[in-house]
Amino acid sequence: MTNLFSLRQKILLAIITLNLISTWLHYTDNALFLSRYPGPEWFTSVGVISVVIVMTPVGLLGYWLYTKGMFWLAYLSLGLYSITSISSPGHYLFPMLAPMSLKMHCLIWLDGVTGLLLIGFLLWSGVVLKEWRSTSNCHLNL
């Protein structure tokens, strides 16, 4: 049972790592080329970078909570963190003032897909496996 939990931790770590990379790439590009990304007028480069700086520790905290078997708090933290990724395709809800480059489209969709992977993991853990019911996984050595 512990080996399976360890495997799931590694899977989640891989997903979080991909998420962090894609989010930092997209948000950094967004901040540098803000005028070329469609979005609300009140978006600023500082605001975009601030979001990723604030949300990164939330995702890392979610992973740490998961490894400690604190599933509901982990699900909450990771669910909140996933918003940074799954919201990226929201750019397409705003009119494009200038055509976006292939790089911009790829970064938006990479971020969106990695966010869906994270949500998929949360659903797999919480709904399919129901890990939150298991007490053998809890490692509450804080």
N, C-alpha and C. Protein backbone atom coordinates (compact mmCIF):
# COMPACT_ATOMS: atom_id res chain seq x y z
N MET A 1 0.82 -1.20 0.00
CA MET A 1 0.00 0.00 0.00
C MET A 1 0.87 1.26 0.00
N THR A 2 1.94 1.25 0.80
CA THR A 2 2.82 2.41 0.86
C THR A 2 3.52 2.63 -0.47
N ASN A 3 3.89 1.53 -1.18
CA ASN A 3 4.53 1.68 -2.49
C ASN A 3 3.60 2.34 -3.49
N LEU A 4 2.31 2.00 -3.44
CA LEU A 4 1.34 2.63 -4.33
C LEU A 4 1.19 4.11 -4.02
N PHE A 5 1.18 4.44 -2.73
CA PHE A 5 1.07 5.85 -2.34
C PHE A 5 2.32 6.60 -2.80
N SER A 6 3.47 5.97 -2.66
CA SER A 6 4.72 6.58 -3.12
C SER A 6 4.69 6.81 -4.63
N LEU A 7 4.16 5.86 -5.37
CA LEU A 7 4.02 6.01 -6.82
C LEU A 7 3.09 7.17 -7.16
N ARG A 8 1.98 7.28 -6.45
CA ARG A 8 1.04 8.38 -6.69
C ARG A 8 1.67 9.73 -6.35
N GLN A 9 2.50 9.76 -5.32
CA GLN A 9 3.22 10.99 -4.99
C GLN A 9 4.15 11.40 -6.13
N LYS A 10 4.82 10.42 -6.73
CA LYS A 10 5.72 10.71 -7.85
C LYS A 10 4.95 11.19 -9.07
N ILE A 11 3.80 10.59 -9.32
CA ILE A 11 2.95 11.03 -10.43
C ILE A 11 2.51 12.47 -10.20
N LEU A 12 2.04 12.76 -8.97
CA LEU A 12 1.62 14.13 -8.67
C LEU A 12 2.79 15.10 -8.77
N LEU A 13 3.97 14.69 -8.32
CA LEU A 13 5.14 15.56 -8.42
C LEU A 13 5.46 15.87 -9.88
N ALA A 14 5.35 14.88 -10.75
CA ALA A 14 5.59 15.10 -12.18
C ALA A 14 4.56 16.08 -12.75
N ILE A 15 3.30 15.90 -12.37
CA ILE A 15 2.24 16.79 -12.86
C ILE A 15 2.44 18.21 -12.36
N ILE A 16 2.78 18.35 -11.07
CA ILE A 16 3.02 19.68 -10.49
C ILE A 16 4.22 20.34 -11.17
N THR A 17 5.27 19.57 -11.42
CA THR A 17 6.46 20.11 -12.07
C THR A 17 6.12 20.63 -13.47
N LEU A 18 5.38 19.82 -14.25
CA LEU A 18 4.95 20.27 -15.58
C LEU A 18 4.09 21.52 -15.48
N ASN A 19 3.21 21.54 -14.48
CA ASN A 19 2.34 22.70 -14.26
C ASN A 19 3.15 23.95 -13.95
N LEU A 20 4.10 23.82 -13.05
CA LEU A 20 4.93 24.97 -12.68
C LEU A 20 5.69 25.50 -13.88
N ILE A 21 6.27 24.60 -14.66
CA ILE A 21 7.04 25.02 -15.84
C ILE A 21 6.13 25.72 -16.83
N SER A 22 5.00 25.09 -17.15
CA SER A 22 4.12 25.69 -18.16
C SER A 22 3.55 27.02 -17.69
N THR A 23 3.18 27.10 -16.43
CA THR A 23 2.60 28.34 -15.90
C THR A 23 3.63 29.46 -15.88
N TRP A 24 4.84 29.17 -15.41
CA TRP A 24 5.87 30.21 -15.40
C TRP A 24 6.23 30.65 -16.81
N LEU A 25 6.30 29.71 -17.75
CA LEU A 25 6.59 30.09 -19.14
C LEU A 25 5.49 30.99 -19.70
N HIS A 26 4.24 30.56 -19.53
CA HIS A 26 3.12 31.33 -20.09
C HIS A 26 2.99 32.69 -19.41
N TYR A 27 3.01 32.71 -18.08
CA TYR A 27 2.80 33.97 -17.37
C TYR A 27 3.95 34.96 -17.63
N THR A 28 5.18 34.45 -17.73
CA THR A 28 6.32 35.33 -18.02
C THR A 28 6.18 35.91 -19.42
N ASP A 29 5.84 35.05 -20.39
CA ASP A 29 5.62 35.54 -21.76
C ASP A 29 4.47 36.54 -21.80
N ASN A 30 3.42 36.23 -21.06
CA ASN A 30 2.26 37.12 -21.00
C ASN A 30 2.67 38.49 -20.45
N ALA A 31 3.46 38.49 -19.39
CA ALA A 31 3.89 39.76 -18.79
C ALA A 31 4.80 40.54 -19.73
N LEU A 32 5.69 39.83 -20.44
CA LEU A 32 6.62 40.51 -21.35
C LEU A 32 5.93 41.06 -22.59
N PHE A 33 4.91 40.35 -23.05
CA PHE A 33 4.22 40.74 -24.30
C PHE A 33 2.74 40.99 -24.03
N LEU A 34 2.47 41.65 -22.94
CA LEU A 34 1.09 41.85 -22.47
C LEU A 34 0.20 42.48 -23.54
N SER A 35 0.71 43.41 -24.28
CA SER A 35 -0.13 44.11 -25.26
C SER A 35 -0.53 43.20 -26.43
N ARG A 36 0.17 42.08 -26.61
CA ARG A 36 -0.16 41.17 -27.72
C ARG A 36 -1.11 40.06 -27.30
N TYR A 37 -1.30 39.88 -25.99
CA TYR A 37 -2.24 38.88 -25.49
C TYR A 37 -3.61 39.52 -25.31
N PRO A 38 -4.66 38.85 -25.79
CA PRO A 38 -6.00 39.40 -25.51
C PRO A 38 -6.34 39.19 -24.04
N GLY A 39 -7.01 40.16 -23.46
CA GLY A 39 -7.40 40.07 -22.06
C GLY A 39 -8.03 41.37 -21.62
N PRO A 40 -8.46 41.40 -20.37
CA PRO A 40 -9.08 42.64 -19.87
C PRO A 40 -8.07 43.78 -19.82
N GLU A 41 -8.58 44.99 -19.96
CA GLU A 41 -7.71 46.17 -19.96
C GLU A 41 -6.97 46.37 -18.64
N TRP A 42 -7.55 45.87 -17.55
CA TRP A 42 -6.94 46.11 -16.25
C TRP A 42 -5.78 45.15 -15.96
N PHE A 43 -5.49 44.17 -16.85
CA PHE A 43 -4.32 43.30 -16.67
C PHE A 43 -3.05 44.14 -16.80
N THR A 44 -2.11 43.92 -15.90
CA THR A 44 -0.81 44.58 -15.98
C THR A 44 0.27 43.50 -15.90
N SER A 45 1.45 43.84 -16.37
CA SER A 45 2.57 42.90 -16.29
C SER A 45 2.89 42.54 -14.85
N VAL A 46 2.87 43.54 -13.99
CA VAL A 46 3.14 43.29 -12.57
C VAL A 46 2.06 42.39 -11.98
N GLY A 47 0.81 42.63 -12.34
CA GLY A 47 -0.28 41.80 -11.85
C GLY A 47 -0.16 40.35 -12.29
N VAL A 48 0.22 40.14 -13.55
CA VAL A 48 0.37 38.79 -14.09
C VAL A 48 1.47 38.05 -13.34
N ILE A 49 2.61 38.69 -13.17
CA ILE A 49 3.73 38.05 -12.45
C ILE A 49 3.37 37.85 -10.98
N SER A 50 2.66 38.79 -10.40
CA SER A 50 2.26 38.66 -8.99
C SER A 50 1.39 37.42 -8.77
N VAL A 51 0.50 37.16 -9.71
CA VAL A 51 -0.38 35.99 -9.59
C VAL A 51 0.45 34.71 -9.54
N VAL A 52 1.39 34.57 -10.45
CA VAL A 52 2.17 33.34 -10.49
C VAL A 52 3.09 33.23 -9.27
N ILE A 53 3.58 34.35 -8.77
CA ILE A 53 4.43 34.31 -7.57
C ILE A 53 3.61 33.89 -6.35
N VAL A 54 2.39 34.38 -6.25
CA VAL A 54 1.52 34.03 -5.11
C VAL A 54 1.01 32.60 -5.22
N MET A 55 0.66 32.17 -6.43
CA MET A 55 0.03 30.85 -6.59
C MET A 55 1.03 29.70 -6.56
N THR A 56 2.27 29.92 -6.92
CA THR A 56 3.26 28.84 -6.91
C THR A 56 3.37 28.18 -5.53
N PRO A 57 3.52 28.94 -4.45
CA PRO A 57 3.58 28.29 -3.13
C PRO A 57 2.29 27.54 -2.77
N VAL A 58 1.15 27.98 -3.29
CA VAL A 58 -0.12 27.28 -3.04
C VAL A 58 -0.06 25.88 -3.65
N GLY A 59 0.47 25.78 -4.87
CA GLY A 59 0.63 24.47 -5.51
C GLY A 59 1.62 23.60 -4.78
N LEU A 60 2.74 24.17 -4.38
CA LEU A 60 3.75 23.40 -3.64
C LEU A 60 3.22 22.95 -2.28
N LEU A 61 2.47 23.82 -1.62
CA LEU A 61 1.84 23.45 -0.36
C LEU A 61 0.87 22.29 -0.56
N GLY A 62 0.11 22.33 -1.65
CA GLY A 62 -0.83 21.24 -1.95
C GLY A 62 -0.12 19.92 -2.11
N TYR A 63 1.02 19.93 -2.79
CA TYR A 63 1.79 18.69 -2.94
C TYR A 63 2.27 18.20 -1.57
N TRP A 64 2.81 19.10 -0.77
CA TRP A 64 3.32 18.73 0.56
C TRP A 64 2.19 18.15 1.41
N LEU A 65 1.03 18.79 1.38
CA LEU A 65 -0.12 18.28 2.15
C LEU A 65 -0.52 16.89 1.67
N TYR A 66 -0.47 16.67 0.38
CA TYR A 66 -0.80 15.35 -0.17
C TYR A 66 0.18 14.29 0.36
N THR A 67 1.47 14.62 0.37
CA THR A 67 2.47 13.65 0.84
C THR A 67 2.29 13.33 2.32
N LYS A 68 1.68 14.25 3.05
CA LYS A 68 1.43 14.03 4.48
C LYS A 68 0.09 13.36 4.73
N GLY A 69 -0.64 13.06 3.66
CA GLY A 69 -1.94 12.40 3.80
C GLY A 69 -3.05 13.33 4.24
N MET A 70 -2.85 14.61 4.11
CA MET A 70 -3.87 15.60 4.47
C MET A 70 -4.65 15.95 3.19
N PHE A 71 -5.46 14.98 2.76
CA PHE A 71 -6.02 15.00 1.42
C PHE A 71 -6.96 16.16 1.16
N TRP A 72 -7.87 16.46 2.06
CA TRP A 72 -8.84 17.52 1.78
C TRP A 72 -8.16 18.88 1.64
N LEU A 73 -7.18 19.15 2.48
CA LEU A 73 -6.44 20.41 2.34
C LEU A 73 -5.59 20.40 1.07
N ALA A 74 -5.03 19.23 0.74
CA ALA A 74 -4.25 19.11 -0.50
C ALA A 74 -5.15 19.35 -1.70
N TYR A 75 -6.33 18.74 -1.71
CA TYR A 75 -7.26 18.92 -2.83
C TYR A 75 -7.65 20.39 -2.97
N LEU A 76 -7.90 21.05 -1.86
CA LEU A 76 -8.26 22.47 -1.90
C LEU A 76 -7.11 23.30 -2.48
N SER A 77 -5.91 23.12 -1.95
CA SER A 77 -4.75 23.89 -2.42
C SER A 77 -4.45 23.62 -3.89
N LEU A 78 -4.46 22.34 -4.27
CA LEU A 78 -4.15 21.99 -5.65
C LEU A 78 -5.26 22.44 -6.60
N GLY A 79 -6.49 22.38 -6.14
CA GLY A 79 -7.60 22.88 -6.95
C GLY A 79 -7.48 24.37 -7.18
N LEU A 80 -7.15 25.11 -6.13
CA LEU A 80 -6.94 26.56 -6.28
C LEU A 80 -5.78 26.83 -7.23
N TYR A 81 -4.70 26.08 -7.05
CA TYR A 81 -3.53 26.29 -7.91
C TYR A 81 -3.86 25.98 -9.37
N SER A 82 -4.68 24.98 -9.61
CA SER A 82 -4.99 24.60 -11.00
C SER A 82 -5.68 25.72 -11.77
N ILE A 83 -6.29 26.65 -11.06
CA ILE A 83 -6.96 27.78 -11.71
C ILE A 83 -5.96 28.61 -12.52
N THR A 84 -4.70 28.68 -12.05
CA THR A 84 -3.70 29.46 -12.80
C THR A 84 -3.48 28.87 -14.19
N SER A 85 -3.64 27.55 -14.31
CA SER A 85 -3.43 26.90 -15.61
C SER A 85 -4.69 26.81 -16.44
N ILE A 86 -5.77 26.35 -15.82
CA ILE A 86 -6.98 26.13 -16.62
C ILE A 86 -7.63 27.44 -17.07
N SER A 87 -7.23 28.54 -16.46
CA SER A 87 -7.79 29.82 -16.87
C SER A 87 -7.06 30.40 -18.09
N SER A 88 -5.93 29.84 -18.45
CA SER A 88 -5.14 30.39 -19.56
C SER A 88 -5.90 30.47 -20.88
N PRO A 89 -6.65 29.45 -21.28
CA PRO A 89 -7.43 29.59 -22.53
C PRO A 89 -8.48 30.70 -22.47
N GLY A 90 -8.67 31.31 -21.32
CA GLY A 90 -9.57 32.45 -21.20
C GLY A 90 -9.16 33.61 -22.10
N HIS A 91 -7.90 33.62 -22.54
CA HIS A 91 -7.48 34.66 -23.49
C HIS A 91 -8.39 34.70 -24.71
N TYR A 92 -8.89 33.54 -25.10
CA TYR A 92 -9.71 33.46 -26.31
C TYR A 92 -11.12 34.05 -26.13
N LEU A 93 -11.46 34.40 -24.92
CA LEU A 93 -12.76 35.03 -24.67
C LEU A 93 -12.74 36.53 -24.96
N PHE A 94 -11.54 37.07 -25.18
CA PHE A 94 -11.39 38.50 -25.42
C PHE A 94 -11.00 38.74 -26.88
N PRO A 95 -11.41 39.87 -27.43
CA PRO A 95 -11.05 40.15 -28.83
C PRO A 95 -9.54 40.32 -28.99
N MET A 96 -9.02 39.79 -30.07
CA MET A 96 -7.59 39.91 -30.36
C MET A 96 -7.34 41.23 -31.08
N LEU A 97 -6.47 42.03 -30.51
CA LEU A 97 -6.12 43.30 -31.14
C LEU A 97 -5.03 43.09 -32.18
N ALA A 98 -4.19 42.09 -31.95
CA ALA A 98 -3.13 41.72 -32.89
C ALA A 98 -3.09 40.20 -32.93
N PRO A 99 -2.70 39.63 -34.07
CA PRO A 99 -2.63 38.17 -34.13
C PRO A 99 -1.59 37.65 -33.13
N MET A 100 -1.94 36.56 -32.45
CA MET A 100 -1.00 35.94 -31.52
C MET A 100 -0.08 35.01 -32.30
N SER A 101 1.13 34.89 -31.80
CA SER A 101 2.11 34.00 -32.44
C SER A 101 1.81 32.55 -32.09
N LEU A 102 2.41 31.65 -32.83
CA LEU A 102 2.27 30.23 -32.55
C LEU A 102 2.78 29.93 -31.14
N LYS A 103 3.86 30.59 -30.74
CA LYS A 103 4.41 30.42 -29.39
C LYS A 103 3.36 30.76 -28.34
N MET A 104 2.66 31.84 -28.52
CA MET A 104 1.65 32.27 -27.56
C MET A 104 0.52 31.25 -27.48
N HIS A 105 0.04 30.79 -28.64
CA HIS A 105 -1.02 29.76 -28.64
C HIS A 105 -0.54 28.50 -27.93
N CYS A 106 0.69 28.08 -28.22
CA CYS A 106 1.23 26.86 -27.60
C CYS A 106 1.35 27.00 -26.09
N LEU A 107 1.81 28.16 -25.63
CA LEU A 107 1.94 28.37 -24.18
C LEU A 107 0.58 28.38 -23.49
N ILE A 108 -0.40 28.99 -24.13
CA ILE A 108 -1.76 29.01 -23.57
C ILE A 108 -2.29 27.59 -23.44
N TRP A 109 -2.18 26.80 -24.50
CA TRP A 109 -2.75 25.44 -24.48
C TRP A 109 -1.93 24.48 -23.65
N LEU A 110 -0.62 24.65 -23.61
CA LEU A 110 0.21 23.81 -22.72
C LEU A 110 -0.20 24.03 -21.28
N ASP A 111 -0.39 25.29 -20.92
CA ASP A 111 -0.81 25.62 -19.55
C ASP A 111 -2.20 25.05 -19.26
N GLY A 112 -3.10 25.18 -20.19
CA GLY A 112 -4.45 24.64 -20.00
C GLY A 112 -4.45 23.13 -19.84
N VAL A 113 -3.67 22.44 -20.67
CA VAL A 113 -3.62 20.97 -20.61
C VAL A 113 -2.98 20.49 -19.31
N THR A 114 -1.92 21.17 -18.87
CA THR A 114 -1.31 20.73 -17.60
C THR A 114 -2.26 20.98 -16.43
N GLY A 115 -3.06 22.03 -16.52
CA GLY A 115 -4.08 22.26 -15.49
C GLY A 115 -5.13 21.16 -15.48
N LEU A 116 -5.52 20.70 -16.66
CA LEU A 116 -6.48 19.59 -16.75
C LEU A 116 -5.87 18.30 -16.22
N LEU A 117 -4.58 18.09 -16.45
CA LEU A 117 -3.90 16.91 -15.87
C LEU A 117 -3.97 16.94 -14.35
N LEU A 118 -3.74 18.11 -13.78
CA LEU A 118 -3.80 18.24 -12.32
C LEU A 118 -5.21 17.97 -11.81
N ILE A 119 -6.19 18.54 -12.46
CA ILE A 119 -7.59 18.29 -12.06
C ILE A 119 -7.93 16.82 -12.23
N GLY A 120 -7.44 16.20 -13.31
CA GLY A 120 -7.65 14.77 -13.51
C GLY A 120 -7.07 13.96 -12.38
N PHE A 121 -5.87 14.32 -11.91
CA PHE A 121 -5.26 13.62 -10.78
C PHE A 121 -6.11 13.78 -9.53
N LEU A 122 -6.59 14.99 -9.28
CA LEU A 122 -7.41 15.24 -8.10
C LEU A 122 -8.69 14.41 -8.13
N LEU A 123 -9.31 14.32 -9.30
CA LEU A 123 -10.52 13.50 -9.43
C LEU A 123 -10.20 12.02 -9.25
N TRP A 124 -9.09 11.58 -9.81
CA TRP A 124 -8.67 10.19 -9.67
C TRP A 124 -8.42 9.85 -8.20
N SER A 125 -7.70 10.73 -7.51
CA SER A 125 -7.38 10.50 -6.10
C SER A 125 -8.61 10.59 -5.22
N GLY A 126 -9.41 11.63 -5.43
CA GLY A 126 -10.53 11.89 -4.53
C GLY A 126 -11.80 11.14 -4.83
N VAL A 127 -12.11 10.93 -6.11
CA VAL A 127 -13.38 10.32 -6.49
C VAL A 127 -13.22 8.83 -6.79
N VAL A 128 -12.18 8.49 -7.56
CA VAL A 128 -12.00 7.09 -7.96
C VAL A 128 -11.36 6.29 -6.84
N LEU A 129 -10.17 6.73 -6.39
CA LEU A 129 -9.45 5.98 -5.36
C LEU A 129 -9.96 6.25 -3.94
N LYS A 130 -10.56 7.40 -3.76
CA LYS A 130 -11.03 7.84 -2.43
C LYS A 130 -9.92 7.74 -1.38
N GLU A 131 -8.78 8.28 -1.75
CA GLU A 131 -7.62 8.23 -0.85
C GLU A 131 -7.91 8.90 0.49
N TRP A 132 -8.78 9.87 0.50
CA TRP A 132 -9.11 10.59 1.73
C TRP A 132 -9.70 9.66 2.78
N ARG A 133 -10.22 8.50 2.38
CA ARG A 133 -10.78 7.54 3.34
C ARG A 133 -9.70 6.73 4.03
N SER A 134 -8.55 6.63 3.43
CA SER A 134 -7.50 5.76 3.92
C SER A 134 -6.73 6.43 5.06
N THR A 135 -6.58 5.70 6.13
CA THR A 135 -5.76 6.21 7.23
C THR A 135 -4.35 5.66 7.15
N SER A 136 -4.15 4.59 6.36
CA SER A 136 -2.81 4.01 6.26
C SER A 136 -1.86 4.91 5.47
N ASN A 137 -2.41 5.83 4.68
CA ASN A 137 -1.57 6.75 3.90
C ASN A 137 -1.15 7.97 4.70
N CYS A 138 -1.76 8.21 5.81
CA CYS A 138 -1.50 9.44 6.54
C CYS A 138 -0.11 9.40 7.18
N HIS A 139 0.69 10.38 6.84
CA HIS A 139 2.01 10.53 7.40
C HIS A 139 2.02 11.89 8.08
N LEU A 140 1.46 11.95 9.24
CA LEU A 140 1.25 13.25 9.88
C LEU A 140 2.43 13.70 10.72
N ASN A 141 3.63 13.29 10.31
CA ASN A 141 4.82 13.75 11.01
C ASN A 141 5.17 15.14 10.48
N LEU A 142 4.48 16.12 10.98
CA LEU A 142 4.68 17.50 10.51
C LEU A 142 5.96 18.04 11.10
